[in-house]
N, C-alpha and C. Protein backbone atom coordinates (compact mmCIF):
# COMPACT_ATOMS: atom_id res chain seq x y z
N GLY A 1 0.81 -1.19 0.00
CA GLY A 1 0.00 0.00 0.00
C GLY A 1 0.84 1.25 0.00
N VAL A 2 0.18 2.37 0.04
CA VAL A 2 0.83 3.67 0.04
C VAL A 2 0.28 4.46 1.23
N SER A 3 1.17 5.05 2.01
CA SER A 3 0.76 5.90 3.14
C SER A 3 0.86 7.36 2.76
N TYR A 4 -0.03 8.17 3.31
CA TYR A 4 0.02 9.61 3.15
C TYR A 4 0.45 10.19 4.47
N LEU A 5 1.52 10.98 4.45
CA LEU A 5 2.07 11.54 5.67
C LEU A 5 1.92 13.04 5.69
N LYS A 6 1.62 13.57 6.88
CA LYS A 6 1.65 15.02 7.10
C LYS A 6 2.98 15.31 7.75
N VAL A 7 3.80 16.14 7.11
CA VAL A 7 5.13 16.45 7.61
C VAL A 7 5.17 17.91 8.03
N ASP A 8 5.45 18.14 9.32
CA ASP A 8 5.56 19.48 9.85
C ASP A 8 7.01 19.89 10.07
N GLY A 9 7.93 18.96 10.03
CA GLY A 9 9.34 19.25 10.24
C GLY A 9 10.13 17.97 10.17
N PRO A 10 11.47 18.07 10.29
CA PRO A 10 12.33 16.89 10.17
C PRO A 10 11.94 15.75 11.11
N ASP A 11 11.49 16.07 12.30
CA ASP A 11 11.11 15.05 13.28
C ASP A 11 9.64 15.10 13.65
N GLN A 12 8.87 15.82 12.86
CA GLN A 12 7.44 15.96 13.14
C GLN A 12 6.64 15.49 11.94
N TYR A 13 6.10 14.30 12.04
CA TYR A 13 5.30 13.76 10.95
C TYR A 13 4.32 12.75 11.53
N GLU A 14 3.24 12.54 10.80
CA GLU A 14 2.25 11.55 11.20
C GLU A 14 1.57 10.99 9.96
N ARG A 15 1.19 9.73 10.05
CA ARG A 15 0.45 9.11 8.97
C ARG A 15 -1.01 9.56 9.10
N VAL A 16 -1.54 10.14 8.04
CA VAL A 16 -2.91 10.65 8.11
C VAL A 16 -3.90 9.81 7.32
N SER A 17 -3.39 9.01 6.38
CA SER A 17 -4.28 8.17 5.59
C SER A 17 -3.44 7.19 4.80
N GLY A 18 -4.10 6.43 3.94
CA GLY A 18 -3.38 5.50 3.10
C GLY A 18 -4.32 4.76 2.17
N THR A 19 -3.74 3.93 1.34
CA THR A 19 -4.50 3.14 0.40
C THR A 19 -3.87 1.76 0.29
N SER A 20 -4.67 0.79 0.00
CA SER A 20 -4.16 -0.57 -0.17
C SER A 20 -3.57 -0.77 -1.56
N LEU A 21 -3.76 0.19 -2.45
CA LEU A 21 -3.20 0.09 -3.80
C LEU A 21 -1.76 0.55 -3.79
N GLY A 22 -0.87 -0.28 -4.30
CA GLY A 22 0.54 0.05 -4.34
C GLY A 22 1.28 -0.89 -5.24
N GLY A 23 2.46 -1.30 -4.79
CA GLY A 23 3.32 -2.16 -5.58
C GLY A 23 2.72 -3.50 -5.92
N GLY A 24 1.95 -4.08 -4.97
CA GLY A 24 1.31 -5.37 -5.24
C GLY A 24 0.27 -5.29 -6.32
N THR A 25 -0.48 -4.21 -6.31
CA THR A 25 -1.49 -4.00 -7.36
C THR A 25 -0.81 -3.79 -8.71
N PHE A 26 0.24 -2.98 -8.72
CA PHE A 26 1.01 -2.74 -9.94
C PHE A 26 1.54 -4.07 -10.50
N TRP A 27 2.13 -4.87 -9.63
CA TRP A 27 2.71 -6.14 -10.05
C TRP A 27 1.64 -7.10 -10.55
N GLY A 28 0.55 -7.24 -9.83
CA GLY A 28 -0.51 -8.15 -10.22
C GLY A 28 -1.15 -7.79 -11.55
N LEU A 29 -1.54 -6.54 -11.70
CA LEU A 29 -2.15 -6.10 -12.96
C LEU A 29 -1.13 -6.14 -14.10
N GLY A 30 0.09 -5.70 -13.82
CA GLY A 30 1.11 -5.71 -14.83
C GLY A 30 1.43 -7.10 -15.35
N ARG A 31 1.49 -8.04 -14.43
CA ARG A 31 1.77 -9.43 -14.82
C ARG A 31 0.65 -9.99 -15.68
N LEU A 32 -0.60 -9.70 -15.30
CA LEU A 32 -1.73 -10.20 -16.09
C LEU A 32 -1.82 -9.55 -17.46
N LEU A 33 -1.54 -8.26 -17.53
CA LEU A 33 -1.71 -7.53 -18.78
C LEU A 33 -0.54 -7.70 -19.75
N THR A 34 0.67 -7.98 -19.22
CA THR A 34 1.84 -8.00 -20.09
C THR A 34 2.49 -9.38 -20.22
N GLY A 35 2.23 -10.25 -19.27
CA GLY A 35 2.88 -11.55 -19.29
C GLY A 35 4.29 -11.54 -18.72
N CYS A 36 4.71 -10.42 -18.11
CA CYS A 36 6.04 -10.34 -17.50
C CYS A 36 6.17 -11.41 -16.43
N LYS A 37 7.37 -11.95 -16.30
CA LYS A 37 7.62 -13.02 -15.31
C LYS A 37 8.25 -12.50 -14.03
N THR A 38 8.86 -11.30 -14.07
CA THR A 38 9.47 -10.74 -12.87
C THR A 38 9.07 -9.29 -12.71
N PHE A 39 9.16 -8.81 -11.47
CA PHE A 39 8.86 -7.42 -11.17
C PHE A 39 9.84 -6.50 -11.90
N ASP A 40 11.13 -6.88 -11.92
CA ASP A 40 12.13 -6.07 -12.62
C ASP A 40 11.84 -5.96 -14.11
N GLU A 41 11.35 -7.03 -14.71
CA GLU A 41 10.98 -7.00 -16.13
C GLU A 41 9.84 -6.02 -16.35
N LEU A 42 8.88 -6.01 -15.44
CA LEU A 42 7.76 -5.07 -15.53
C LEU A 42 8.23 -3.63 -15.38
N LEU A 43 9.14 -3.39 -14.44
CA LEU A 43 9.68 -2.04 -14.25
C LEU A 43 10.41 -1.57 -15.51
N GLU A 44 11.20 -2.45 -16.10
CA GLU A 44 11.92 -2.11 -17.34
C GLU A 44 10.93 -1.79 -18.44
N LEU A 45 9.89 -2.58 -18.59
CA LEU A 45 8.89 -2.34 -19.60
C LEU A 45 8.20 -0.99 -19.40
N SER A 46 7.99 -0.62 -18.13
CA SER A 46 7.31 0.65 -17.83
C SER A 46 8.11 1.87 -18.26
N THR A 47 9.42 1.74 -18.40
CA THR A 47 10.24 2.89 -18.80
C THR A 47 10.05 3.23 -20.27
N HIS A 48 9.40 2.37 -21.03
CA HIS A 48 9.20 2.61 -22.45
C HIS A 48 7.80 3.13 -22.79
N GLY A 49 6.97 3.30 -21.76
CA GLY A 49 5.59 3.75 -22.00
C GLY A 49 5.46 5.25 -22.10
N ASP A 50 4.27 5.69 -22.44
CA ASP A 50 3.94 7.12 -22.52
C ASP A 50 2.71 7.38 -21.65
N ASN A 51 2.96 7.77 -20.39
CA ASN A 51 1.85 7.95 -19.46
C ASN A 51 0.96 9.14 -19.82
N SER A 52 1.42 10.05 -20.69
CA SER A 52 0.58 11.19 -21.05
C SER A 52 -0.65 10.75 -21.84
N ALA A 53 -0.63 9.54 -22.37
CA ALA A 53 -1.78 9.04 -23.12
C ALA A 53 -2.89 8.53 -22.20
N VAL A 54 -2.58 8.32 -20.92
CA VAL A 54 -3.58 7.78 -20.00
C VAL A 54 -3.77 8.59 -18.72
N ASP A 55 -2.75 9.33 -18.29
CA ASP A 55 -2.87 10.14 -17.07
C ASP A 55 -3.72 11.37 -17.32
N MET A 56 -4.52 11.73 -16.32
CA MET A 56 -5.26 12.99 -16.41
C MET A 56 -4.35 14.11 -15.95
N LEU A 57 -4.35 15.18 -16.71
CA LEU A 57 -3.57 16.36 -16.38
C LEU A 57 -4.50 17.45 -15.88
N VAL A 58 -3.95 18.49 -15.28
CA VAL A 58 -4.76 19.60 -14.79
C VAL A 58 -5.64 20.15 -15.89
N GLY A 59 -5.09 20.26 -17.11
CA GLY A 59 -5.86 20.76 -18.25
C GLY A 59 -7.04 19.88 -18.61
N ASP A 60 -6.94 18.57 -18.35
CA ASP A 60 -8.05 17.67 -18.62
C ASP A 60 -9.22 17.94 -17.66
N ILE A 61 -8.91 18.39 -16.47
CA ILE A 61 -9.93 18.63 -15.46
C ILE A 61 -10.52 20.05 -15.56
N TYR A 62 -9.63 21.04 -15.69
CA TYR A 62 -10.07 22.44 -15.67
C TYR A 62 -10.17 23.06 -17.05
N GLY A 63 -9.78 22.36 -18.09
CA GLY A 63 -9.85 22.90 -19.44
C GLY A 63 -8.86 24.02 -19.66
N GLY A 64 -9.21 24.98 -20.46
CA GLY A 64 -8.29 26.07 -20.81
C GLY A 64 -8.43 27.29 -19.91
N LEU A 65 -8.73 27.09 -18.66
CA LEU A 65 -8.89 28.22 -17.75
C LEU A 65 -7.58 28.94 -17.49
N ASP A 66 -7.69 30.16 -17.00
CA ASP A 66 -6.53 30.90 -16.50
C ASP A 66 -6.21 30.31 -15.13
N TYR A 67 -5.23 29.43 -15.07
CA TYR A 67 -4.94 28.67 -13.85
C TYR A 67 -4.61 29.55 -12.65
N GLU A 68 -4.02 30.72 -12.86
CA GLU A 68 -3.70 31.60 -11.76
C GLU A 68 -4.96 32.06 -11.02
N LYS A 69 -6.06 32.19 -11.73
CA LYS A 69 -7.32 32.63 -11.11
C LYS A 69 -7.84 31.61 -10.10
N ILE A 70 -7.47 30.36 -10.28
CA ILE A 70 -7.94 29.31 -9.34
C ILE A 70 -6.82 28.80 -8.43
N GLY A 71 -5.70 29.59 -8.38
CA GLY A 71 -4.62 29.26 -7.47
C GLY A 71 -3.65 28.22 -7.95
N LEU A 72 -3.62 27.96 -9.27
CA LEU A 72 -2.70 26.97 -9.82
C LEU A 72 -1.71 27.66 -10.74
N GLU A 73 -0.57 27.04 -10.93
CA GLU A 73 0.44 27.59 -11.85
C GLU A 73 0.65 26.65 -13.00
């Protein structure tokens, strides 16, 4: 899984939330979808992909807005 931490300083942090989706999910889905036999093989394969074809970007959500008006850069 993946933990979300609130960090207030070098020695001040706390876990505030998390998700069960992480490396195991990546490995399981990747193995089923690609036929890779090892985690390292899957990682190597991932370096050749183009995530811009599937990831949502700020522009996909907010369109062509003036991002500064909504506090984004």
